[in-house]
Amino acid sequence: MYVGLLLLPGGAAAATTNDDWTTPWVLGSIAVLILVLIGIWAVGASYYYKLRDLLKGKDGEPPIGQEALVAYMDSRRPEALTAVGLGGSSSSSG
C-alpha cells in the first residue's frame, strides 16, 4: 500500500504529461484507490480508536488489563483490513 502511495506522484505527473486524466484506466485506478482507502478507514477506525482509548484509559477509567486486552484483540478485524487492502491491489493489478 505504501509503495503504491509513493508511486502516486510519478503516476500523476505521467498522466498530466501525456494528458491521460480522462482515460478509463486512470479513472479506474483513482476510483480503486479512493474505495480502498475509504474501506480501510471504515473497517479499521472504530476498532483502533477504541483500542487506543482502552490502552490509555478514558474519562478516569484505568487502562485495560492484560486478559481483557487479549480478549479484545482476538477479533477478525485485522483480517478484514487485509482483505480490503488485498482486494484493492489484486483488482488494480489484473
Protein backbone atom coordinates (compact mmCIF):
# COMPACT_ATOMS: atom_id res chain seq x y z
CA MET A 1 0.00 0.00 0.00
CA TYR A 2 2.68 2.50 0.99
CA VAL A 3 4.81 1.69 -2.05
CA GLY A 4 1.80 2.43 -4.21
CA LEU A 5 1.31 5.75 -2.46
CA LEU A 6 4.98 6.57 -3.06
CA LEU A 7 4.46 5.95 -6.77
CA LEU A 8 1.36 8.14 -6.86
CA PRO A 9 3.15 11.46 -7.61
CA GLY A 10 5.03 9.90 -10.53
CA GLY A 11 1.83 8.46 -11.94
CA ALA A 12 0.07 11.79 -11.59
CA ALA A 13 2.95 13.53 -13.36
CA ALA A 14 2.88 10.96 -16.18
CA ALA A 15 -0.88 11.31 -16.56
CA THR A 16 -0.51 15.09 -16.69
CA THR A 17 2.35 14.98 -19.18
CA ASN A 18 0.50 12.59 -21.50
CA ASP A 19 -2.90 14.22 -20.93
CA ASP A 20 -4.33 10.89 -19.73
CA TRP A 21 -6.55 12.07 -16.87
CA THR A 22 -9.75 11.20 -18.72
CA THR A 23 -8.72 7.73 -19.92
CA PRO A 24 -10.67 4.85 -18.37
CA TRP A 25 -7.65 3.15 -16.77
CA VAL A 26 -6.58 6.32 -14.94
CA LEU A 27 -10.11 7.00 -13.72
CA GLY A 28 -10.46 3.35 -12.68
CA SER A 29 -7.19 3.46 -10.78
CA ILE A 30 -8.27 6.61 -8.95
CA ALA A 31 -11.61 5.01 -8.09
CA VAL A 32 -9.91 1.85 -6.75
CA LEU A 33 -7.50 3.93 -4.65
CA ILE A 34 -10.30 6.01 -3.14
CA LEU A 35 -12.51 2.97 -2.47
CA VAL A 36 -9.69 1.03 -0.81
CA LEU A 37 -8.73 3.98 1.40
CA ILE A 38 -12.36 4.54 2.43
CA GLY A 39 -12.84 0.81 3.03
CA ILE A 40 -9.76 0.51 5.20
CA TRP A 41 -10.74 3.58 7.20
CA ALA A 42 -14.33 2.36 7.65
CA VAL A 43 -13.27 -1.10 8.79
CA GLY A 44 -10.33 -0.13 10.98
CA ALA A 45 -11.00 3.27 12.51
CA SER A 46 -13.55 2.28 15.15
CA TYR A 47 -11.52 -0.76 16.22
CA TYR A 48 -8.26 1.11 16.66
CA TYR A 49 -9.83 4.24 18.18
CA LYS A 50 -11.46 2.05 20.83
CA LEU A 51 -8.20 0.14 21.36
CA ARG A 52 -6.35 3.43 21.92
CA ASP A 53 -8.94 4.52 24.48
CA LEU A 54 -8.76 1.17 26.26
CA LEU A 55 -4.96 1.26 26.47
CA LYS A 56 -4.69 4.76 27.91
CA GLY A 57 -7.92 4.79 29.90
CA LYS A 58 -10.66 7.27 29.16
CA ASP A 59 -12.78 9.52 31.38
CA GLY A 60 -10.94 8.49 34.54
CA GLU A 61 -11.16 4.76 33.83
CA PRO A 62 -8.00 2.71 34.38
CA PRO A 63 -6.22 1.21 31.36
CA ILE A 64 -7.37 -2.19 30.20
CA GLY A 65 -5.91 -5.28 31.85
CA GLN A 66 -3.88 -7.95 30.10
CA GLU A 67 -6.69 -10.53 29.93
CA ALA A 68 -9.22 -8.03 28.63
CA LEU A 69 -6.70 -6.76 26.07
CA VAL A 70 -6.12 -10.28 24.75
CA ALA A 71 -9.87 -10.83 24.54
CA TYR A 72 -10.39 -7.53 22.69
CA MET A 73 -7.59 -8.18 20.23
CA ASP A 74 -8.88 -11.69 19.49
CA SER A 75 -11.05 -10.44 16.65
CA ARG A 76 -11.16 -10.77 12.89
CA ARG A 77 -10.82 -7.03 12.28
CA PRO A 78 -7.15 -7.19 11.16
CA GLU A 79 -8.05 -9.95 8.71
CA ALA A 80 -10.87 -7.81 7.33
CA LEU A 81 -8.45 -4.91 6.86
CA THR A 82 -6.08 -7.21 4.98
CA ALA A 83 -8.91 -8.44 2.77
CA VAL A 84 -9.91 -4.88 1.88
CA GLY A 85 -6.30 -3.92 1.11
CA LEU A 86 -5.57 -7.02 -0.93
CA GLY A 87 -8.84 -6.66 -2.78
CA GLY A 88 -7.66 -3.28 -3.99
CA SER A 89 -4.23 -4.48 -5.01
CA SER A 90 -5.50 -7.55 -6.86
CA SER A 91 -8.19 -5.64 -8.72
CA SER A 92 -5.80 -2.89 -9.80
CA SER A 93 -3.11 -5.32 -10.98
CA GLY A 94 -5.43 -7.52 -13.07
